[in-house]
Amino acid sequence: MKVLIVLTSHDTLGDTGRPTGFWLEELAAPYYAFLEAGYDITLASPKGGQPPLDPKSNEPDAQTDTTRRFEADADATAALASTVVLGDVDVSQFDTVFYPGGHGPLWDLAEDADSKAVIEATLAAGKPLALVCHAPGVLKQATTPSGDPLVAGKKVTGFTNTEEEGVGLTDIVPFLVEDVLKEQGGIYSKGEDWGPYVVRDGLLITGQNPASSGPAAEALIELMADRG
């Protein structure tokens, strides 16, 4: 199985001057889940090369066994340093696609035409797609072949408004993930703040927050196995 993992290239929280990027746990946990399932992993980002890491995701209270494993893994860090340019990716060559979150995707991937094309082509080809934490917000411009919002009528989750309040960024982010999923007609649900919560609707898998990234990857692997 070949999985494409799509990361952000955006590194600044609005006009605050503070850094952001992808959230390490949301890459590391799925990375090892896919690796241990025998998947061939390709990392991509809009600009290619080394994606920006949200430094808060590598602070002691955010570290996990998988983030420490990733940081010490020469193969993993080399792959991260040399992500392919998303616009150069032929998504037809992959069996499935996974989007980690972090705040960065709200600025670039949510508005990126190549990302939109990857999402739409993956689902149109009958292949599963998974997104976690802030990444479900990337679905906001994606549409079905008939032009309807992709999430309309679909069960979804993503970073909650109260979780955004908890990190103090409600007034800084360009949009709130929970709100935009509801506005697009998604059937939004959530679990407890910061606890693992994953929703599957057909080929679409969404996870609420960092703790949901590993379980979302496992749900994707299970779905792929069920499909043979």
C-alpha atoms as a PDB file:
ATOM      1  CA  MET A   1       0.000   0.000   0.000  1.00  0.00           C
ATOM      2  CA  LYS A   2       1.175   3.503  -0.810  1.00  0.00           C
ATOM      3  CA  VAL A   3       0.120   6.388   1.431  1.00  0.00           C
ATOM      4  CA  LEU A   4       0.613  10.091   0.753  1.00  0.00           C
ATOM      5  CA  ILE A   5       0.975  12.250   3.864  1.00  0.00           C
ATOM      6  CA  VAL A   6       0.300  15.942   3.161  1.00  0.00           C
ATOM      7  CA  LEU A   7       1.918  18.515   5.458  1.00  0.00           C
ATOM      8  CA  THR A   8       1.691  22.302   5.695  1.00  0.00           C
ATOM      9  CA  SER A   9       4.371  24.727   4.511  1.00  0.00           C
ATOM     10  CA  HIS A  10       2.967  27.664   6.510  1.00  0.00           C
ATOM     11  CA  ASP A  11       5.068  28.829   9.445  1.00  0.00           C
ATOM     12  CA  THR A  12       3.494  31.944  11.022  1.00  0.00           C
ATOM     13  CA  LEU A  13       0.404  32.475  13.187  1.00  0.00           C
ATOM     14  CA  GLY A  14      -1.322  35.227  11.237  1.00  0.00           C
ATOM     15  CA  ASP A  15       0.305  38.589  11.868  1.00  0.00           C
ATOM     16  CA  THR A  16       1.491  37.713  15.385  1.00  0.00           C
ATOM     17  CA  GLY A  17       5.022  36.858  14.286  1.00  0.00           C
ATOM     18  CA  ARG A  18       4.748  33.666  16.330  1.00  0.00           C
ATOM     19  CA  PRO A  19       5.752  30.382  14.681  1.00  0.00           C
ATOM     20  CA  THR A  20       3.439  27.566  13.703  1.00  0.00           C
ATOM     21  CA  GLY A  21       3.475  24.612  11.322  1.00  0.00           C
ATOM     22  CA  PHE A  22       2.500  20.966  11.597  1.00  0.00           C
ATOM     23  CA  TRP A  23       1.926  19.185  14.916  1.00  0.00           C
ATOM     24  CA  LEU A  24       4.586  16.544  15.497  1.00  0.00           C
ATOM     25  CA  GLU A  25       2.414  13.881  17.154  1.00  0.00           C
ATOM     26  CA  GLU A  26      -0.035  14.088  14.264  1.00  0.00           C
ATOM     27  CA  LEU A  27       2.736  13.079  11.872  1.00  0.00           C
ATOM     28  CA  ALA A  28       4.693  10.712  14.098  1.00  0.00           C
ATOM     29  CA  ALA A  29       1.842   8.517  15.339  1.00  0.00           C
ATOM     30  CA  PRO A  30       0.383   7.880  11.851  1.00  0.00           C
ATOM     31  CA  TYR A  31       3.877   7.537  10.343  1.00  0.00           C
ATOM     32  CA  TYR A  32       4.699   4.576  12.560  1.00  0.00           C
ATOM     33  CA  ALA A  33       1.240   3.068  12.258  1.00  0.00           C
ATOM     34  CA  PHE A  34       1.651   3.069   8.471  1.00  0.00           C
ATOM     35  CA  LEU A  35       5.261   1.881   8.643  1.00  0.00           C
ATOM     36  CA  GLU A  36       4.347  -1.045  10.871  1.00  0.00           C
ATOM     37  CA  ALA A  37       1.474  -1.936   8.535  1.00  0.00           C
ATOM     38  CA  GLY A  38       4.003  -2.232   5.725  1.00  0.00           C
ATOM     39  CA  TYR A  39       2.940   0.888   3.847  1.00  0.00           C
ATOM     40  CA  ASP A  40       5.205   2.804   1.486  1.00  0.00           C
ATOM     41  CA  ILE A  41       5.107   6.391   2.813  1.00  0.00           C
ATOM     42  CA  THR A  42       5.589   9.598   0.794  1.00  0.00           C
ATOM     43  CA  LEU A  43       5.595  12.996   2.490  1.00  0.00           C
ATOM     44  CA  ALA A  44       4.501  16.067   0.521  1.00  0.00           C
ATOM     45  CA  SER A  45       3.932  19.770   1.201  1.00  0.00           C
ATOM     46  CA  PRO A  46       3.007  22.789  -0.934  1.00  0.00           C
ATOM     47  CA  LYS A  47       6.570  24.127  -1.066  1.00  0.00           C
ATOM     48  CA  GLY A  48       8.421  20.816  -0.710  1.00  0.00           C
ATOM     49  CA  GLY A  49      11.521  20.369   1.418  1.00  0.00           C
ATOM     50  CA  GLN A  50      11.451  20.726   5.199  1.00  0.00           C
ATOM     51  CA  PRO A  51       7.976  21.649   6.491  1.00  0.00           C
ATOM     52  CA  PRO A  52       7.819  23.958   9.520  1.00  0.00           C
ATOM     53  CA  LEU A  53       7.295  22.246  12.847  1.00  0.00           C
ATOM     54  CA  ASP A  54       5.101  23.971  15.412  1.00  0.00           C
ATOM     55  CA  PRO A  55       7.636  24.296  18.248  1.00  0.00           C
ATOM     56  CA  LYS A  56       4.923  23.852  20.857  1.00  0.00           C
ATOM     57  CA  SER A  57       4.370  20.328  19.544  1.00  0.00           C
ATOM     58  CA  ASN A  58       7.901  19.383  20.582  1.00  0.00           C
ATOM     59  CA  GLU A  59       7.782  20.846  24.075  1.00  0.00           C
ATOM     60  CA  PRO A  60       8.051  18.285  26.909  1.00  0.00           C
ATOM     61  CA  ASP A  61       4.338  18.247  27.746  1.00  0.00           C
ATOM     62  CA  ALA A  62       3.440  17.553  24.095  1.00  0.00           C
ATOM     63  CA  GLN A  63       6.008  14.835  23.459  1.00  0.00           C
ATOM     64  CA  THR A  64       5.004  11.186  23.255  1.00  0.00           C
ATOM     65  CA  ASP A  65       6.859   7.930  22.740  1.00  0.00           C
ATOM     66  CA  THR A  66       6.210   8.226  19.002  1.00  0.00           C
ATOM     67  CA  THR A  67       7.433  11.841  18.746  1.00  0.00           C
ATOM     68  CA  ARG A  68      10.645  10.915  20.560  1.00  0.00           C
ATOM     69  CA  ARG A  69      11.016   7.893  18.290  1.00  0.00           C
ATOM     70  CA  PHE A  70      10.514  10.070  15.212  1.00  0.00           C
ATOM     71  CA  GLU A  71      13.052  12.668  16.339  1.00  0.00           C
ATOM     72  CA  ALA A  72      15.649   9.915  16.849  1.00  0.00           C
ATOM     73  CA  ASP A  73      14.870   8.148  13.561  1.00  0.00           C
ATOM     74  CA  ALA A  74      17.348   9.153  10.849  1.00  0.00           C
ATOM     75  CA  ASP A  75      15.189   7.740   8.047  1.00  0.00           C
ATOM     76  CA  ALA A  76      12.078   9.558   9.266  1.00  0.00           C
ATOM     77  CA  THR A  77      13.795  12.909   9.741  1.00  0.00           C
ATOM     78  CA  ALA A  78      15.486  12.594   6.326  1.00  0.00           C
ATOM     79  CA  ALA A  79      12.117  11.957   4.688  1.00  0.00           C
ATOM     80  CA  LEU A  80      10.677  14.983   6.496  1.00  0.00           C
ATOM     81  CA  ALA A  81      13.545  17.196   5.347  1.00  0.00           C
ATOM     82  CA  SER A  82      12.875  16.338   1.715  1.00  0.00           C
ATOM     83  CA  THR A  83       9.103  16.348   1.249  1.00  0.00           C
ATOM     84  CA  VAL A  84       8.021  16.396  -2.378  1.00  0.00           C
ATOM     85  CA  VAL A  85       6.212  19.397  -3.853  1.00  0.00           C
ATOM     86  CA  LEU A  86       2.496  18.696  -3.626  1.00  0.00           C
ATOM     87  CA  GLY A  87       1.840  20.076  -7.098  1.00  0.00           C
ATOM     88  CA  ASP A  88       4.227  17.481  -8.544  1.00  0.00           C
ATOM     89  CA  VAL A  89       2.391  14.540  -6.981  1.00  0.00           C
ATOM     90  CA  ASP A  90       0.396  12.134  -9.136  1.00  0.00           C
ATOM     91  CA  VAL A  91      -2.220  11.148  -6.575  1.00  0.00           C
ATOM     92  CA  SER A  92      -3.388   8.264  -8.787  1.00  0.00           C
ATOM     93  CA  GLN A  93      -0.191   6.460  -7.748  1.00  0.00           C
ATOM     94  CA  PHE A  94      -1.324   6.284  -4.124  1.00  0.00           C
ATOM     95  CA  ASP A  95      -3.823   4.024  -2.399  1.00  0.00           C
ATOM     96  CA  THR A  96      -4.786   6.511   0.303  1.00  0.00           C
ATOM     97  CA  VAL A  97      -4.022  10.003   1.645  1.00  0.00           C
ATOM     98  CA  PHE A  98      -3.539  11.284   5.207  1.00  0.00           C
ATOM     99  CA  TYR A  99      -3.446  14.900   6.419  1.00  0.00           C
ATOM    100  CA  PRO A 100      -1.859  15.724   9.807  1.00  0.00           C
ATOM    101  CA  GLY A 101      -2.905  18.984  11.404  1.00  0.00           C
ATOM    102  CA  GLY A 102      -1.280  21.791  13.296  1.00  0.00           C
ATOM    103  CA  HIS A 103      -2.433  25.354  12.745  1.00  0.00           C
ATOM    104  CA  GLY A 104      -0.417  25.822   9.544  1.00  0.00           C
ATOM    105  CA  PRO A 105      -2.917  24.056   7.238  1.00  0.00           C
ATOM    106  CA  LEU A 106      -5.574  26.676   8.029  1.00  0.00           C
ATOM    107  CA  TRP A 107      -3.530  29.240   6.107  1.00  0.00           C
ATOM    108  CA  ASP A 108      -2.078  27.286   3.190  1.00  0.00           C
ATOM    109  CA  LEU A 109      -3.655  23.877   2.566  1.00  0.00           C
ATOM    110  CA  ALA A 110      -7.180  25.200   3.126  1.00  0.00           C
ATOM    111  CA  GLU A 111      -6.678  27.573   0.182  1.00  0.00           C
ATOM    112  CA  ASP A 112      -4.331  25.438  -1.933  1.00  0.00           C
ATOM    113  CA  ALA A 113      -5.573  24.343  -5.370  1.00  0.00           C
ATOM    114  CA  ASP A 114      -3.242  21.330  -5.449  1.00  0.00           C
ATOM    115  CA  SER A 115      -4.504  20.142  -2.077  1.00  0.00           C
ATOM    116  CA  LYS A 116      -8.098  20.585  -3.227  1.00  0.00           C
ATOM    117  CA  ALA A 117      -7.333  18.505  -6.316  1.00  0.00           C
ATOM    118  CA  VAL A 118      -5.687  15.757  -4.248  1.00  0.00           C
ATOM    119  CA  ILE A 119      -8.684  15.520  -1.921  1.00  0.00           C
ATOM    120  CA  GLU A 120     -11.267  15.506  -4.684  1.00  0.00           C
ATOM    121  CA  ALA A 121      -9.361  13.044  -6.883  1.00  0.00           C
ATOM    122  CA  THR A 122      -8.748  10.641  -4.010  1.00  0.00           C
ATOM    123  CA  LEU A 123     -12.407  10.350  -3.072  1.00  0.00           C
ATOM    124  CA  ALA A 124     -13.587  10.387  -6.691  1.00  0.00           C
ATOM    125  CA  ALA A 125     -11.318   7.399  -7.341  1.00  0.00           C
ATOM    126  CA  GLY A 126     -12.949   5.505  -4.477  1.00  0.00           C
ATOM    127  CA  LYS A 127      -9.907   5.735  -2.218  1.00  0.00           C
ATOM    128  CA  PRO A 128      -9.984   6.545   1.506  1.00  0.00           C
ATOM    129  CA  LEU A 129      -8.909   9.910   2.909  1.00  0.00           C
ATOM    130  CA  ALA A 130      -8.123  10.778   6.540  1.00  0.00           C
ATOM    131  CA  LEU A 131      -7.538  14.170   8.176  1.00  0.00           C
ATOM    132  CA  VAL A 132      -6.917  15.025  11.831  1.00  0.00           C
ATOM    133  CA  CYS A 133      -7.202  17.985  14.209  1.00  0.00           C
ATOM    134  CA  HIS A 134      -7.049  21.217  12.147  1.00  0.00           C
ATOM    135  CA  ALA A 135      -6.641  19.361   8.860  1.00  0.00           C
ATOM    136  CA  PRO A 136     -10.386  18.651   8.427  1.00  0.00           C
ATOM    137  CA  GLY A 137     -10.642  22.419   7.885  1.00  0.00           C
ATOM    138  CA  VAL A 138      -8.728  21.846   4.643  1.00  0.00           C
ATOM    139  CA  LEU A 139     -11.933  20.297   3.278  1.00  0.00           C
ATOM    140  CA  LYS A 140     -13.647  23.685   3.213  1.00  0.00           C
ATOM    141  CA  GLN A 141     -13.084  24.361  -0.500  1.00  0.00           C
ATOM    142  CA  ALA A 142     -13.358  20.760  -1.685  1.00  0.00           C
ATOM    143  CA  THR A 143     -16.475  19.819  -3.603  1.00  0.00           C
ATOM    144  CA  THR A 144     -18.172  16.737  -4.988  1.00  0.00           C
ATOM    145  CA  PRO A 145     -18.322  16.176  -8.780  1.00  0.00           C
ATOM    146  CA  SER A 146     -21.745  17.870  -8.702  1.00  0.00           C
ATOM    147  CA  GLY A 147     -20.264  20.972  -7.055  1.00  0.00           C
ATOM    148  CA  ASP A 148     -21.671  20.520  -3.555  1.00  0.00           C
ATOM    149  CA  PRO A 149     -19.430  20.972  -0.498  1.00  0.00           C
ATOM    150  CA  LEU A 150     -17.567  17.725   0.032  1.00  0.00           C
ATOM    151  CA  VAL A 151     -18.548  17.445   3.687  1.00  0.00           C
ATOM    152  CA  ALA A 152     -22.252  18.219   3.155  1.00  0.00           C
ATOM    153  CA  GLY A 153     -24.284  15.445   4.741  1.00  0.00           C
ATOM    154  CA  LYS A 154     -21.166  13.612   5.936  1.00  0.00           C
ATOM    155  CA  LYS A 155     -20.334  12.737   9.529  1.00  0.00           C
ATOM    156  CA  VAL A 156     -17.161  14.622  10.456  1.00  0.00           C
ATOM    157  CA  THR A 157     -15.126  15.886  13.377  1.00  0.00           C
ATOM    158  CA  GLY A 158     -12.162  18.207  13.849  1.00  0.00           C
ATOM    159  CA  PHE A 159     -10.540  20.567  16.342  1.00  0.00           C
ATOM    160  CA  THR A 160     -13.299  21.952  18.534  1.00  0.00           C
ATOM    161  CA  ASN A 161     -14.066  25.600  19.239  1.00  0.00           C
ATOM    162  CA  THR A 162     -13.408  24.979  22.926  1.00  0.00           C
ATOM    163  CA  GLU A 163     -10.042  23.376  22.177  1.00  0.00           C
ATOM    164  CA  GLU A 164      -9.141  26.447  20.100  1.00  0.00           C
ATOM    165  CA  GLU A 165     -10.175  28.623  23.029  1.00  0.00           C
ATOM    166  CA  GLY A 166      -7.993  26.457  25.234  1.00  0.00           C
ATOM    167  CA  VAL A 167      -4.882  27.294  23.221  1.00  0.00           C
ATOM    168  CA  GLY A 168      -5.844  30.974  23.003  1.00  0.00           C
ATOM    169  CA  LEU A 169      -5.978  31.242  19.221  1.00  0.00           C
ATOM    170  CA  THR A 170      -9.680  31.764  18.528  1.00  0.00           C
ATOM    171  CA  ASP A 171      -9.138  35.344  17.376  1.00  0.00           C
ATOM    172  CA  ILE A 172      -5.939  34.594  15.439  1.00  0.00           C
ATOM    173  CA  VAL A 173      -6.841  31.656  13.195  1.00  0.00           C
ATOM    174  CA  PRO A 174      -8.459  32.514   9.832  1.00  0.00           C
ATOM    175  CA  PHE A 175     -11.426  30.295  10.660  1.00  0.00           C
ATOM    176  CA  LEU A 176     -12.608  27.807  13.271  1.00  0.00           C
ATOM    177  CA  VAL A 177     -12.599  24.197  12.106  1.00  0.00           C
ATOM    178  CA  GLU A 178     -15.790  23.244  13.950  1.00  0.00           C
ATOM    179  CA  ASP A 179     -17.658  26.233  12.546  1.00  0.00           C
ATOM    180  CA  VAL A 180     -16.581  25.759   8.933  1.00  0.00           C
ATOM    181  CA  LEU A 181     -17.434  22.062   8.913  1.00  0.00           C
ATOM    182  CA  LYS A 182     -20.927  22.896  10.164  1.00  0.00           C
ATOM    183  CA  GLU A 183     -21.295  25.779   7.697  1.00  0.00           C
ATOM    184  CA  GLN A 184     -20.408  23.417   4.856  1.00  0.00           C
ATOM    185  CA  GLY A 185     -23.229  21.107   5.895  1.00  0.00           C
ATOM    186  CA  GLY A 186     -21.154  18.532   7.706  1.00  0.00           C
ATOM    187  CA  ILE A 187     -22.775  16.446  10.431  1.00  0.00           C
ATOM    188  CA  TYR A 188     -20.270  17.509  13.053  1.00  0.00           C
ATOM    189  CA  SER A 189     -19.743  15.671  16.329  1.00  0.00           C
ATOM    190  CA  LYS A 190     -17.047  15.734  18.982  1.00  0.00           C
ATOM    191  CA  GLY A 191     -15.764  13.930  22.015  1.00  0.00           C
ATOM    192  CA  GLU A 192     -14.215  15.366  25.148  1.00  0.00           C
ATOM    193  CA  ASP A 193     -11.644  18.094  24.600  1.00  0.00           C
ATOM    194  CA  TRP A 194      -8.156  16.618  24.079  1.00  0.00           C
ATOM    195  CA  GLY A 195      -9.405  13.019  24.161  1.00  0.00           C
ATOM    196  CA  PRO A 196      -9.220  10.685  21.152  1.00  0.00           C
ATOM    197  CA  TYR A 197     -12.271  10.869  18.902  1.00  0.00           C
ATOM    198  CA  VAL A 198     -12.508   9.557  15.336  1.00  0.00           C
ATOM    199  CA  VAL A 199     -15.416   9.604  12.905  1.00  0.00           C
ATOM    200  CA  ARG A 200     -15.730   7.567   9.730  1.00  0.00           C
ATOM    201  CA  ASP A 201     -18.282   8.184   6.996  1.00  0.00           C
ATOM    202  CA  GLY A 202     -17.663   5.953   4.010  1.00  0.00           C
ATOM    203  CA  LEU A 203     -14.219   6.746   2.612  1.00  0.00           C
ATOM    204  CA  LEU A 204     -13.756   9.832   4.814  1.00  0.00           C
ATOM    205  CA  ILE A 205     -12.078   9.554   8.224  1.00  0.00           C
ATOM    206  CA  THR A 206     -11.639  12.568  10.509  1.00  0.00           C
ATOM    207  CA  GLY A 207     -10.000  12.893  13.925  1.00  0.00           C
ATOM    208  CA  GLN A 208     -10.626  15.623  16.486  1.00  0.00           C
ATOM    209  CA  ASN A 209      -7.218  16.507  17.923  1.00  0.00           C
ATOM    210  CA  PRO A 210      -3.601  15.315  18.403  1.00  0.00           C
ATOM    211  CA  ALA A 211      -4.663  12.350  20.541  1.00  0.00           C
ATOM    212  CA  SER A 212      -6.884  11.230  17.656  1.00  0.00           C
ATOM    213  CA  SER A 213      -4.087  11.027  15.090  1.00  0.00           C
ATOM    214  CA  GLY A 214      -2.918   7.503  15.902  1.00  0.00           C
ATOM    215  CA  PRO A 215      -6.468   6.135  16.159  1.00  0.00           C
ATOM    216  CA  ALA A 216      -7.388   7.838  12.860  1.00  0.00           C
ATOM    217  CA  ALA A 217      -4.432   6.183  11.148  1.00  0.00           C
ATOM    218  CA  GLU A 218      -5.436   2.816  12.602  1.00  0.00           C
ATOM    219  CA  ALA A 219      -9.000   3.359  11.367  1.00  0.00           C
ATOM    220  CA  LEU A 220      -7.614   4.090   7.904  1.00  0.00           C
ATOM    221  CA  ILE A 221      -5.453   0.966   7.962  1.00  0.00           C
ATOM    222  CA  GLU A 222      -8.461  -1.102   9.053  1.00  0.00           C
ATOM    223  CA  LEU A 223     -10.560   0.366   6.264  1.00  0.00           C
ATOM    224  CA  MET A 224      -7.855  -0.407   3.717  1.00  0.00           C
ATOM    225  CA  ALA A 225      -7.609  -3.989   5.000  1.00  0.00           C
ATOM    226  CA  ASP A 226     -11.374  -4.435   4.775  1.00  0.00           C
ATOM    227  CA  ARG A 227     -11.207  -3.315   1.152  1.00  0.00           C
ATOM    228  CA  GLY A 228      -8.591  -5.968   0.412  1.00  0.00           C
END
